[in-house]
């Protein structure tokens, strides 16, 4: 198992970071079918790609939310200036 290969790294982390590392390593189960269909000689590649894809999706969602908040703020400011 790939996670076992990271045990020395994991043991060097503090308790909070270990929990986050475990959470991060659980992400590929969301993309398990893609991981199984990936023909890679290095088993870690589909795992890393799953983690990157998940975080990319989270980041783009956050960006969209921030843009929505900024648009609302601009609208509110424009309405306030008309009064």
Protein backbone atom coordinates (compact mmCIF):
# COMPACT_ATOMS: atom_id res chain seq x y z
CA UNK A 1 0.00 0.00 0.00
CA UNK A 2 1.31 3.43 -0.91
CA UNK A 3 0.26 5.01 2.37
CA UNK A 4 2.54 2.64 4.26
CA UNK A 5 5.49 3.99 2.27
CA UNK A 6 4.79 7.41 3.80
CA UNK A 7 4.81 6.15 7.40
CA UNK A 8 8.20 7.74 8.32
CA UNK A 9 6.96 11.07 7.00
CA UNK A 10 3.63 10.68 8.76
CA UNK A 11 5.32 9.84 12.07
CA UNK A 12 7.33 13.07 11.86
CA UNK A 13 4.17 15.19 11.66
CA UNK A 14 2.35 16.60 14.66
CA UNK A 15 -1.05 15.19 15.61
CA UNK A 16 -3.07 17.83 13.71
CA UNK A 17 -1.04 17.38 10.53
CA UNK A 18 -1.30 13.58 10.78
CA UNK A 19 -5.08 13.91 10.82
CA UNK A 20 -4.98 16.20 7.78
CA UNK A 21 -2.59 13.83 6.00
CA UNK A 22 -4.98 10.94 6.64
CA UNK A 23 -7.90 13.02 5.34
CA UNK A 24 -5.91 13.92 2.23
CA UNK A 25 -4.98 10.30 1.60
CA UNK A 26 -8.67 9.32 1.81
CA UNK A 27 -9.57 11.62 -1.11
CA UNK A 28 -8.72 9.11 -3.88
CA UNK A 29 -11.64 6.91 -2.87
CA UNK A 30 -13.85 9.60 -4.48
CA UNK A 31 -12.15 8.76 -7.77
CA UNK A 32 -11.60 5.04 -7.26
CA UNK A 33 -12.99 4.05 -10.67
CA UNK A 34 -10.61 6.45 -12.42
CA UNK A 35 -7.72 5.14 -10.33
CA UNK A 36 -8.51 1.53 -11.27
CA UNK A 37 -8.78 2.45 -14.95
CA UNK A 38 -5.47 4.28 -14.91
CA UNK A 39 -2.66 2.19 -16.33
CA UNK A 40 0.29 3.58 -14.40
CA UNK A 41 3.49 1.82 -13.44
CA UNK A 42 3.78 4.00 -10.37
CA UNK A 43 0.77 3.38 -8.13
CA UNK A 44 1.16 6.75 -6.45
CA UNK A 45 0.41 8.73 -9.64
CA UNK A 46 -3.37 8.11 -9.70
CA UNK A 47 -3.52 8.79 -5.96
CA UNK A 48 -1.73 12.11 -6.35
CA UNK A 49 -3.81 13.05 -9.38
CA UNK A 50 -7.00 12.31 -7.42
CA UNK A 51 -5.83 14.54 -4.59
CA UNK A 52 -4.85 17.32 -7.01
CA UNK A 53 -8.17 17.10 -8.87
CA UNK A 54 -10.14 17.25 -5.63
CA UNK A 55 -8.24 20.28 -4.39
CA UNK A 56 -8.48 21.96 -7.79
CA UNK A 57 -12.26 21.54 -7.69
CA UNK A 58 -12.38 22.93 -4.15
CA UNK A 59 -10.21 25.89 -5.14
CA UNK A 60 -12.30 26.75 -8.20
CA UNK A 61 -15.46 26.56 -6.07
CA UNK A 62 -13.90 28.93 -3.51
CA UNK A 63 -12.89 31.33 -6.28
CA UNK A 64 -16.46 31.31 -7.65
CA UNK A 65 -17.85 32.01 -4.18
CA UNK A 66 -15.42 34.89 -3.63
CA UNK A 67 -16.32 36.35 -7.03
CA UNK A 68 -20.00 36.10 -6.10
CA UNK A 69 -19.38 37.87 -2.80
CA UNK A 70 -17.37 40.58 -4.55
CA UNK A 71 -20.16 41.06 -7.11
CA UNK A 72 -22.71 41.36 -4.30
CA UNK A 73 -20.51 43.91 -2.56
CA UNK A 74 -20.15 45.96 -5.76
CA UNK A 75 -23.92 45.85 -6.26
CA UNK A 76 -24.55 46.91 -2.64
CA UNK A 77 -22.00 49.73 -2.93
CA UNK A 78 -23.54 50.94 -6.20
CA UNK A 79 -27.01 50.97 -4.61
CA UNK A 80 -25.73 52.83 -1.55
CA UNK A 81 -24.10 55.51 -3.70
CA UNK A 82 -27.42 56.18 -5.51
CA UNK A 83 -29.13 57.15 -2.27
